[in-house]
Amino acid sequence: MLRWFLHYGIHFLVPILIGLLFYKGYRWKAILILLAGIVIDLDHFWADPLFDPNRCSINFHPLHTYWAIALYVLLLIPKKTRIFGLALVIHIVADITDCLLM
C-alpha cells in the first residue's frame, strides 16, 4: 500500500504541488504540463505483459532507459524546456521510488 501511495502520489500530487507553489503566474498550465509527464508511459505498450506490478520500469522500457533519463535531465537546463524536463524527471523519480520499494 505504501509503495502504491508513494508511486502515484509522486506521479499526481507532486506535479500539482509544484505547479501551485512555483508557477503562480500560470499555475494551471504548469500543472497540466507537469501531469503530462505521464505520457512517457506509452512505452509500456511495447512490453509483454503490458503491466507487471513486479517489474521495474527503469532501464526496461525505451523511454525509461538511462539515455532517456539523461536527456530529461538535460531538458532542465534551458529555461524554455525546463518545465518539460521537470515533468519527465518527476515521472522518473516516481518510477525509481517504485523500484526501490519492490
Foldseek 3Di string as FASTA:
>chain_A
DVLVCLLVCLLQVVLLVCLVPPVVVPSVVLSVLLNCLCVLLVQLVVDVVSDDLLDQPACPGPCRYPVNLVVLVVLCPDPVRNSNSNSNVSNNVSSVSSNVVD
